[in-house]
Protein backbone atom coordinates (compact mmCIF):
# COMPACT_ATOMS: atom_id res chain seq x y z
CA MET A 1 103.31 76.15 94.75
CA TYR A 2 105.37 77.95 92.14
CA ILE A 3 105.14 81.73 91.98
CA GLN A 4 102.93 81.63 88.87
CA GLU A 5 100.45 79.38 90.69
CA VAL A 6 100.37 81.67 93.73
CA ALA A 7 99.80 84.66 91.46
CA LYS A 8 96.93 82.94 89.64
CA GLU A 9 95.21 81.75 92.82
CA SER A 10 95.61 84.97 94.83
CA GLY A 11 95.12 87.49 92.03
CA ILE A 12 98.45 89.14 92.90
CA SER A 13 100.79 89.66 89.98
CA VAL A 14 104.08 87.80 89.71
CA ARG A 15 105.84 91.17 89.68
CA THR A 16 104.22 92.11 93.00
CA LEU A 17 105.21 88.81 94.60
CA ARG A 18 108.79 89.36 93.45
CA TYR A 19 108.68 92.85 94.92
CA TYR A 20 107.43 91.45 98.25
CA ASP A 21 110.45 89.15 98.20
CA GLU A 22 112.84 92.02 97.41
CA ILE A 23 111.66 94.13 100.36
CA GLY A 24 111.60 91.19 102.77
CA LEU A 25 107.84 91.15 103.22
CA LEU A 26 107.23 87.67 101.81
CA LYS A 27 110.09 85.30 101.15
CA PRO A 28 109.50 82.03 99.27
CA ASP A 29 110.22 78.85 101.21
CA GLU A 30 112.54 77.62 98.51
CA ILE A 31 114.24 78.58 95.26
CA SER A 32 114.32 75.78 92.72
CA PRO A 33 117.59 74.85 90.92
CA SER A 34 116.22 76.66 87.87
CA GLY A 35 115.58 79.82 89.91
CA TYR A 36 111.81 79.59 90.43
CA ARG A 37 110.32 80.77 93.73
CA ILE A 38 108.41 78.04 95.58
CA TYR A 39 105.85 78.84 98.29
CA ARG A 40 104.82 76.25 100.86
CA GLU A 41 102.42 76.38 103.81
CA GLN A 42 104.45 78.79 105.95
CA ALA A 43 104.83 81.39 103.21
CA LEU A 44 101.20 81.01 102.13
CA LYS A 45 100.02 81.61 105.71
CA ARG A 46 102.09 84.79 105.80
CA LEU A 47 100.66 85.87 102.44
CA GLN A 48 97.16 85.32 103.81
CA ARG A 49 97.90 87.67 106.72
CA ILE A 50 99.32 90.23 104.30
CA LEU A 51 96.12 90.08 102.26
CA PHE A 52 94.01 90.51 105.40
CA TYR A 53 95.90 93.71 106.19
CA ARG A 54 95.62 94.91 102.60
CA GLU A 55 91.83 94.66 102.97
CA LEU A 56 92.20 97.36 105.63
CA ASP A 57 94.38 99.48 103.30
CA PHE A 58 97.51 99.24 105.45
CA PRO A 59 100.65 100.28 103.52
CA LEU A 60 103.33 97.64 103.03
CA GLU A 61 105.74 99.19 105.53
CA LYS A 62 103.06 99.05 108.23
CA ILE A 63 102.20 95.44 107.36
CA LYS A 64 105.85 94.49 107.62
CA GLN A 65 106.07 96.10 111.06
CA LEU A 66 102.94 94.31 112.25
CA LEU A 67 104.16 90.92 111.07
CA ALA A 68 107.50 91.48 112.80
CA SER A 69 105.88 92.67 116.03
CA GLY A 70 104.43 89.34 117.10
CA ALA A 71 100.95 90.86 117.07
CA ASP A 72 98.09 88.73 118.43
CA GLU A 73 96.97 86.92 115.29
CA GLU A 74 93.72 85.57 116.75
CA HIS A 75 92.64 89.04 117.90
CA GLN A 76 93.40 90.45 114.46
CA MET A 77 91.42 87.72 112.72
CA ARG A 78 88.40 88.35 114.95
CA GLY A 79 88.47 92.03 114.02
CA GLN A 80 88.78 91.22 110.33
CA LEU A 81 85.96 88.66 110.57
CA GLU A 82 83.65 91.24 112.14
CA LEU A 83 84.44 93.66 109.32
CA LEU A 84 83.70 91.05 106.64
CA ARG A 85 80.39 90.20 108.32
CA LEU A 86 79.39 93.87 108.21
CA LYS A 87 80.23 93.97 104.50
CA GLN A 88 78.26 90.77 103.96
CA LYS A 89 75.25 92.24 105.77
CA ARG A 90 75.36 95.33 103.56
CA LEU A 91 75.60 93.29 100.34
CA GLU A 92 72.71 91.06 101.41
CA GLY A 93 70.58 94.16 101.94
CA ILE A 94 71.40 95.47 98.47
CA ILE A 95 70.68 92.05 96.92
CA LYS A 96 67.30 91.97 98.65
CA LEU A 97 66.46 95.41 97.25
CA LEU A 98 67.33 94.29 93.71
CA GLU A 99 65.21 91.16 94.08
CA GLN A 100 62.26 93.29 95.24
CA ARG A 101 62.65 95.63 92.26
CA LEU A 102 62.77 92.70 89.83
CA LYS A 103 59.55 91.36 91.37
CA GLY A 104 57.92 94.75 90.85
CA GLU A 105 57.72 95.49 94.55
CA ALA A 106 58.01 99.24 95.10
CA SER A 107 60.82 100.21 97.46
CA VAL A 108 62.61 103.51 97.87
CA SER A 109 64.87 102.39 100.71
CA ILE A 110 68.44 103.73 100.46
CA LYS A 111 69.76 102.82 103.91
CA GLU A 112 71.24 99.58 102.55
CA PHE A 113 73.88 101.62 100.69
CA ASN A 114 75.13 103.33 103.85
CA MET A 115 78.81 102.56 104.57
CA ASP A 116 79.05 104.38 107.92
CA GLU A 117 79.02 101.26 110.09
CA ILE A 118 81.70 99.58 107.98
CA LYS A 119 83.89 102.68 107.88
CA ALA A 120 83.54 103.16 111.64
CA HIS A 121 84.68 99.58 112.24
CA GLU A 122 87.58 99.95 109.81
CA ASP A 123 88.72 103.16 111.51
CA LYS A 124 88.37 101.64 114.98
CA TYR A 125 90.26 98.47 114.09
CA ARG A 126 92.97 100.31 112.17
CA ALA A 127 93.48 102.78 115.03
CA GLU A 128 93.62 99.94 117.56
CA VAL A 129 96.23 98.02 115.58
CA GLU A 130 98.35 101.09 114.93
CA ASP A 131 98.17 102.18 118.57
CA LYS A 132 99.16 98.75 119.84
CA TYR A 133 101.72 97.69 117.25
CA GLY A 134 102.44 100.60 114.94
CA GLN A 135 104.77 102.91 116.84
CA SER A 136 107.59 102.56 114.33
CA GLU A 137 110.97 104.23 114.56
CA ALA A 138 109.99 106.45 111.63
CA TYR A 139 106.83 107.56 113.44
CA GLN A 140 108.72 108.30 116.64
CA GLU A 141 111.42 110.22 114.76
CA SER A 142 108.78 112.26 112.94
CA GLN A 143 107.06 113.12 116.23
CA LYS A 144 110.38 114.12 117.76
CA ARG A 145 111.36 116.42 114.89
CA THR A 146 108.01 118.05 114.18
CA SER A 147 107.39 118.84 117.85
CA LYS A 148 110.19 121.42 117.57
CA TYR A 149 108.99 123.08 114.35
CA GLY A 150 107.67 126.61 114.30
CA GLU A 151 105.70 128.56 111.72
CA LYS A 152 108.75 129.23 109.53
CA ASP A 153 109.60 125.53 109.42
CA TRP A 154 106.10 124.56 108.32
CA GLN A 155 106.11 127.32 105.70
CA ALA A 156 109.40 125.99 104.32
CA ILE A 157 107.98 122.46 104.20
CA LYS A 158 104.84 123.64 102.40
CA GLN A 159 106.83 125.70 99.92
CA ALA A 160 109.14 122.78 99.12
CA SER A 161 106.33 120.23 98.84
CA ASP A 162 104.21 122.58 96.71
CA ALA A 163 107.11 122.97 94.29
CA ILE A 164 107.43 119.19 93.91
CA TYR A 165 103.68 118.64 93.51
CA GLN A 166 103.49 121.42 90.92
CA GLY A 167 106.52 120.07 89.09
CA LEU A 168 104.97 116.61 88.91
CA ALA A 169 101.62 118.05 87.83
CA LYS A 170 103.27 119.82 84.89
CA ARG A 171 104.95 116.58 83.83
CA ARG A 172 102.13 114.11 84.49
CA HIS A 173 101.68 113.58 80.75
CA GLN A 174 105.28 112.43 80.47
CA PRO A 175 106.26 108.80 81.13
CA PRO A 176 106.60 108.34 84.92
CA GLU A 177 110.01 106.76 84.34
CA SER A 178 111.34 109.90 82.61
CA GLU A 179 114.46 111.50 84.06
CA GLU A 180 112.68 114.70 85.08
CA VAL A 181 109.86 112.89 86.89
CA GLN A 182 112.23 110.51 88.64
CA GLY A 183 114.33 113.49 89.72
CA LEU A 184 111.29 115.02 91.41
CA ILE A 185 110.57 111.74 93.21
CA SER A 186 114.16 111.80 94.45
CA ASP A 187 113.52 115.35 95.69
CA TRP A 188 110.39 114.12 97.49
CA GLN A 189 112.33 111.38 99.23
CA ALA A 190 114.98 113.91 100.25
CA LEU A 191 112.32 116.29 101.60
CA ILE A 192 110.83 113.58 103.83
CA THR A 193 114.30 112.62 105.06
CA LYS A 194 115.21 116.23 105.79
CA TYR A 195 112.07 117.22 107.69
CA PHE A 196 110.49 114.04 109.06
CA TYR A 197 112.48 110.78 109.17
CA PRO A 198 115.03 108.79 107.14
CA CYS A 199 113.01 107.77 104.09
CA SER A 200 114.38 104.55 102.61
CA ASP A 201 113.19 103.23 99.25
CA GLU A 202 111.10 100.70 101.16
CA ILE A 203 109.34 103.39 103.19
CA LEU A 204 108.86 105.53 100.08
CA ALA A 205 107.25 102.59 98.26
CA SER A 206 104.79 102.16 101.13
CA LEU A 207 103.99 105.87 101.08
CA GLY A 208 103.22 105.65 97.37
CA GLU A 209 100.69 102.91 98.07
CA MET A 210 99.19 104.86 100.95
CA TYR A 211 98.69 107.95 98.78
CA GLN A 212 96.46 105.89 96.50
CA ALA A 213 94.62 104.01 99.25
CA ASP A 214 93.83 106.92 101.57
CA GLU A 215 91.28 109.40 100.23
CA ARG A 216 92.71 112.17 102.42
CA PHE A 217 96.08 111.95 100.67
CA ARG A 218 94.43 111.53 97.27
CA ASP A 219 92.29 114.65 97.73
CA ASN A 220 95.29 116.70 98.84
CA ILE A 221 97.57 115.60 95.99
CA ASP A 222 94.93 115.72 93.24
CA GLN A 223 94.24 119.39 93.98
CA TYR A 224 97.49 120.11 92.11
CA GLY A 225 96.30 118.26 89.02
CA GLU A 226 93.71 115.66 88.07
CA GLY A 227 95.10 112.14 88.35
CA LEU A 228 98.30 113.31 90.03
CA THR A 229 98.03 110.80 92.89
CA ASP A 230 98.07 107.80 90.57
CA PHE A 231 100.85 109.31 88.45
CA MET A 232 103.01 110.10 91.48
CA SER A 233 102.42 106.68 93.02
CA GLU A 234 103.42 104.94 89.79
CA ALA A 235 106.54 107.12 89.55
CA ILE A 236 107.41 106.16 93.13
CA ARG A 237 106.91 102.47 92.33
CA ILE A 238 109.31 102.76 89.39
CA TYR A 239 111.82 104.75 91.45
CA THR A 240 111.87 102.21 94.28
CA THR A 241 112.11 99.11 92.09
CA LYS A 242 114.73 100.16 89.56
């Protein structure tokens, strides 16, 4: 399949597939004489696994680590299948409620909308995968450094990060590719490298995705300005792909 066909069938943009190639996450099986990326069975199987992990909101850097770790694919698929069945069960309950309402049958049940069981399974599965396969060098380096930090260190980190968040918040109505915004993203990358672990463009790109996917990060960042998470993540994407 050519890259345009993969994009159409999977719903992933051509630009994203090219980015996956650039960072070594998903390489095409072949490049045609005219320069088109061609994906055959092996690459499509890998893409399928990537999409499974994306359903669990894993950042790209984590997905890359998992694929390189030789993780038990069958075990992962069983966990993902269980999650999808829970989602299916919830949707079937909501569909049944709608059908009852359309038939005029009175029902005030709201339990069908509860996501607790699904979230609990997602958290359990994500924690299990990360514990078994996710001890990256960056994670270990961060643990090593931060274990030695005292109150003054954490105050310095907070002061520096606050300044960057506030600077981005003031400029969030500018184009994310503007020189000032991109300079602040560079400062953010330098801050992570200084205090936590070497932050490559690849790692930074994954962090940008995680900020959007994880509500805890979104809530923290958006307190500095409405919509700041999405703005910062887009600025990071531009910074890491230019």
